[in-house]
Amino acid sequence: MSTVPTGGDVGAFLDAVPDERRRADARRLVALAAEVTGEPPVLWGTAIVGFGSRHYRYASGHEGDTPLVGVSPRKQHTSVYLSGAVEEYADLLERLGPHGAGRGCLNLRRLDDLDTAVLREVLARSVEVAARLS
């Protein structure tokens, strides 16, 4: 993720999500992520609500900062950005419910179709992984 905190208004960003269900899901995810991470929501770039941050440095020398957890309501799904590779969450994802996954993110269509307790565990693991990677 190559975005940085912008200081933008998270509430206004969420209010502007056009799809009512996606907007409600994003609000629920933001509240859950804030509770689990203990960090306030911060707008990163123009479309990601991030919680906390960690510094990373690749072997190539590239480095930067990224949230411990990020939430981004997209047109087709809501993306949840995690610390580390999605494979580190495989045991939890088996129990989560319907989702898609990228290299370091989950793509969620409907929160109501997921096991919220497992989603909470996924977010908590992201914080643990971030501590290990930092």
Protein backbone atom coordinates (compact mmCIF):
# COMPACT_ATOMS: atom_id res chain seq x y z
CA MET A 1 0.00 0.00 0.00
CA SER A 2 1.65 3.23 -1.06
CA THR A 3 -0.76 5.72 0.46
CA VAL A 4 -0.17 8.02 3.41
CA PRO A 5 -2.45 9.49 6.09
CA THR A 6 -4.19 12.58 4.75
CA GLY A 7 -6.09 13.95 7.72
CA GLY A 8 -9.28 13.70 5.67
CA ASP A 9 -12.69 13.37 7.29
CA VAL A 10 -13.41 9.66 7.79
CA GLY A 11 -17.09 10.27 8.54
CA ALA A 12 -17.57 12.29 5.35
CA PHE A 13 -15.72 9.62 3.36
CA LEU A 14 -18.02 6.90 4.71
CA ASP A 15 -21.11 9.06 4.20
CA ALA A 16 -20.17 9.41 0.52
CA VAL A 17 -20.16 5.65 -0.17
CA PRO A 18 -22.99 5.45 -2.73
CA ASP A 19 -24.31 1.94 -2.02
CA GLU A 20 -26.32 1.88 1.21
CA ARG A 21 -25.40 -1.70 2.17
CA ARG A 22 -21.71 -1.18 1.37
CA ARG A 23 -21.80 2.06 3.41
CA ALA A 24 -23.36 0.27 6.39
CA ASP A 25 -20.84 -2.59 6.11
CA ALA A 26 -17.96 -0.10 5.98
CA ARG A 27 -19.22 1.68 9.09
CA ARG A 28 -19.48 -1.65 10.94
CA LEU A 29 -15.99 -2.68 9.82
CA VAL A 30 -14.51 0.66 10.84
CA ALA A 31 -16.07 0.36 14.30
CA LEU A 32 -14.85 -3.23 14.67
CA ALA A 33 -11.32 -2.39 13.50
CA ALA A 34 -11.13 0.58 15.89
CA GLU A 35 -12.25 -1.64 18.76
CA VAL A 36 -9.84 -4.47 17.94
CA THR A 37 -6.78 -2.32 17.19
CA GLY A 38 -7.42 0.31 19.84
CA GLU A 39 -6.50 2.88 17.19
CA PRO A 40 -8.65 5.71 15.78
CA PRO A 41 -9.69 5.62 12.12
CA VAL A 42 -7.55 7.78 9.82
CA LEU A 43 -8.06 8.39 6.12
CA TRP A 44 -5.06 7.12 4.13
CA GLY A 45 -5.00 8.46 0.59
CA THR A 46 -8.47 9.01 -0.78
CA ALA A 47 -10.11 5.63 -0.20
CA ILE A 48 -8.64 3.69 2.75
CA VAL A 49 -9.54 4.03 6.41
CA GLY A 50 -6.49 2.87 8.33
CA PHE A 51 -5.87 1.99 11.96
CA GLY A 52 -2.46 2.48 13.53
CA SER A 53 0.65 2.17 11.42
CA ARG A 54 3.84 0.23 11.03
CA HIS A 55 7.03 0.91 9.13
CA TYR A 56 8.25 -1.64 6.59
CA ARG A 57 11.45 -2.10 4.62
CA TYR A 58 11.89 -4.60 1.82
CA ALA A 59 15.16 -6.29 0.91
CA SER A 60 15.17 -4.08 -2.20
CA GLY A 61 15.53 -1.06 0.07
CA HIS A 62 12.00 0.23 -0.57
CA GLU A 63 10.38 1.35 2.66
CA GLY A 64 7.33 3.17 3.91
CA ASP A 65 4.46 3.11 6.36
CA THR A 66 1.20 1.20 6.20
CA PRO A 67 -1.79 0.77 8.53
CA LEU A 68 -2.01 -2.25 10.84
CA VAL A 69 -5.47 -2.75 9.31
CA GLY A 70 -7.15 -0.87 6.48
CA VAL A 71 -10.76 -0.78 5.28
CA SER A 72 -11.81 0.41 1.83
CA PRO A 73 -15.38 0.27 0.52
CA ARG A 74 -15.12 -0.42 -3.21
CA LYS A 75 -17.82 -0.68 -5.86
CA GLN A 76 -18.06 -4.50 -5.88
CA HIS A 77 -16.81 -5.35 -2.37
CA THR A 78 -15.20 -3.94 0.73
CA SER A 79 -11.46 -4.57 0.96
CA VAL A 80 -9.77 -5.23 4.28
CA TYR A 81 -6.00 -4.73 4.13
CA LEU A 82 -4.02 -6.90 6.52
CA SER A 83 -0.43 -7.05 7.73
CA GLY A 84 1.60 -9.77 6.06
CA ALA A 85 0.45 -12.26 3.46
CA VAL A 86 -3.08 -13.62 3.45
CA GLU A 87 -1.64 -17.15 3.90
CA GLU A 88 -0.88 -16.22 7.51
CA TYR A 89 -4.65 -16.16 8.08
CA ALA A 90 -5.56 -19.44 6.31
CA ASP A 91 -6.86 -21.22 9.42
CA LEU A 92 -9.21 -18.32 10.19
CA LEU A 93 -10.31 -17.75 6.60
CA GLU A 94 -11.57 -21.34 6.42
CA ARG A 95 -14.13 -20.37 9.08
CA LEU A 96 -14.85 -16.77 8.01
CA GLY A 97 -17.51 -17.30 5.38
CA PRO A 98 -17.67 -16.18 1.75
CA HIS A 99 -14.80 -13.89 0.79
CA GLY A 100 -12.17 -13.30 -1.84
CA ALA A 101 -8.52 -12.70 -1.13
CA GLY A 102 -5.60 -10.92 -2.68
CA ARG A 103 -1.96 -11.00 -1.60
CA GLY A 104 -2.53 -9.00 1.58
CA CYS A 105 -6.24 -8.25 1.58
CA LEU A 106 -9.68 -9.73 1.91
CA ASN A 107 -12.54 -8.79 -0.37
CA LEU A 108 -15.87 -8.98 1.43
CA ARG A 109 -19.24 -8.71 -0.29
CA ARG A 110 -21.60 -8.82 2.71
CA LEU A 111 -20.69 -8.63 6.38
CA ASP A 112 -23.95 -10.37 7.31
CA ASP A 113 -22.68 -13.52 5.54
CA LEU A 114 -19.52 -13.69 7.68
CA ASP A 115 -18.73 -14.97 11.15
CA THR A 116 -18.04 -11.69 12.95
CA ALA A 117 -16.13 -13.42 15.76
CA VAL A 118 -13.73 -14.90 13.19
CA LEU A 119 -13.42 -11.52 11.45
CA ARG A 120 -12.47 -10.05 14.83
CA GLU A 121 -9.76 -12.72 15.14
CA VAL A 122 -8.47 -11.87 11.65
CA LEU A 123 -8.14 -8.20 12.58
CA ALA A 124 -6.42 -9.05 15.88
CA ARG A 125 -3.97 -11.32 14.06
CA SER A 126 -3.13 -8.48 11.68
CA VAL A 127 -1.99 -6.42 14.67
CA GLU A 128 0.08 -9.37 15.92
CA VAL A 129 1.64 -9.93 12.48
CA ALA A 130 2.45 -6.20 12.22
CA ALA A 131 4.31 -6.34 15.54
CA ARG A 132 6.32 -9.32 14.34
CA LEU A 133 7.14 -7.67 10.98
CA SER A 134 8.20 -4.33 12.48
